[in-house]
Amino acid sequence: MANETITAAKGFLAAGAACGIKKSGKSDLGLIVCPAGAVAAAVFTTNKVVSAAVQVSKSHIKSPKIEAIVVNSGNANTCTGPKGLKNAITMCTKAAEQIETKPANVLVASTGIIGEQLPIRKIAAGIARAAAKLSASAAAGLDFARAIMTTDTKPKQAVRRLDISGAEVTIAGAIKGAGMIGPNMATTLSFITTDAAITKPLLSMALKRAVGDSLNKLTVDGHQSTNDTCIILASGLAGNRPIVSPCPRYKRLAKKLAELCDDLARQMALDAEGATRIFRVVVRGAATKSGAAKACRAIADYPLVKCAVHGGDPNWGRIICAVGSAGVRLNPDKLSCKLDDITVFRKGAPARFDTKKAGRVVSQIEHTITVDMGVGKRSDFCYGCDLSAEYVRINAEYHT
């Protein structure tokens, strides 16, 4: 059976371990290592308050080669002051010691509770234990995916393969995230490996575009985290002719990367806190691209729309209300709405439709809401999920 984890790409090792951050005793420390060194790119949260890990990784990502990523879950290491920053650097230092490299060649990420100091001694011991377990196996890749989870109910992974100049190139990803998702630059913690040979600027360009059309299109509750990080490492070991320009080979790689990121985003939507369904919002006929994006978000974030989806209710009135309150230009006399292929509102007036059939559409695991604003030719989309009582319970009980 093919490896479908973060270690699927050539040149990568991974591990997961429990070091005692989580009171449950579950795995909470993950390592990804590229012994040969990898070209790296990343995008981070645009929240004005960021974790110590984000601060350190923003600096280290400038290194020509990255050899490892160390990740902890259960503690965000955010709003922890100079001590928190020192602890993030210590995580890089301890990981670097294990693989005999410089701390600047190590990236770090954290997720979990805000405002508490990391138990750095436990983490240092956990890094050593994880390093001793490093492997290119699928089991090791799965261990890593489990180690980065917080309120996630299951590990989320994806792999894509393609041929580039006669060589098989692999792109593999692991992601965590179930709530507090509504980013501007990245979403939760996501880690991608590839064995493609590609330059750092082109890798960065491909990642930003892929994230912009996938992870950035997902909203669970409209809130971006302080820790959002997406990192991609390229080992260059696939044997393809190096990609040094935005040529057709680059475009094929970028397309596969976008597909992988879209896959991961959809997995997150289906595993969102308390979620039972996801929906895609498509806005057409907008005056501007930014207006289309704003209208999409307004619909996907609108609590009454999310509740209607949870109940399988084809309540188009809530959708139209959400669009009208988005603060963007529209023509009320041309405004239209569809649920999949069923038109429920046409040119400013209710349409005749089979409510039972429409209810079945909304009750699917996934459906599409399409709105035409009637004022232009611009369009955009985003993903959303339903809002359940379980979401309230989880976040009411989650210690902050």
Foldseek 3Di string as FASTA:
>chain_A
DQQFFQLNAPQKWKAWAFLPLDVVSFTWKMKIFRLLFWQKAKWWFPPPWAALLVVLQVQLNPDRTATMEMEGEAEQNTPAPPQSNVLNLVLLVLLCVLSVHDSSNYGYAYYHDPDDHDPSVSSSVRSNVGSVVIDSDSVRRLNRQRNHEDLFPGWFKGKDWDDAQNFIKIKIKTFYAAAQAQGDQAGHEMEMEIQAAEHNVLVNVLVRVLRVAASNQEHEANGHDSGGMYMYTHNVRRPHDYHYDCDPSSVVVSVRSSVRRNRRRVVNQCRHQVFQAKEKEKEWQFPDQVLQSLLQCLQQNQQVNLQCLVVLFPPCVSSVVSSVPSPGDADLQQKWKDKAPRTQAGRNGGDDDDRVVSSVSSPDNYIYMYIYRNHHGHMGMHMHTHDDPRNVVVVVPRDD
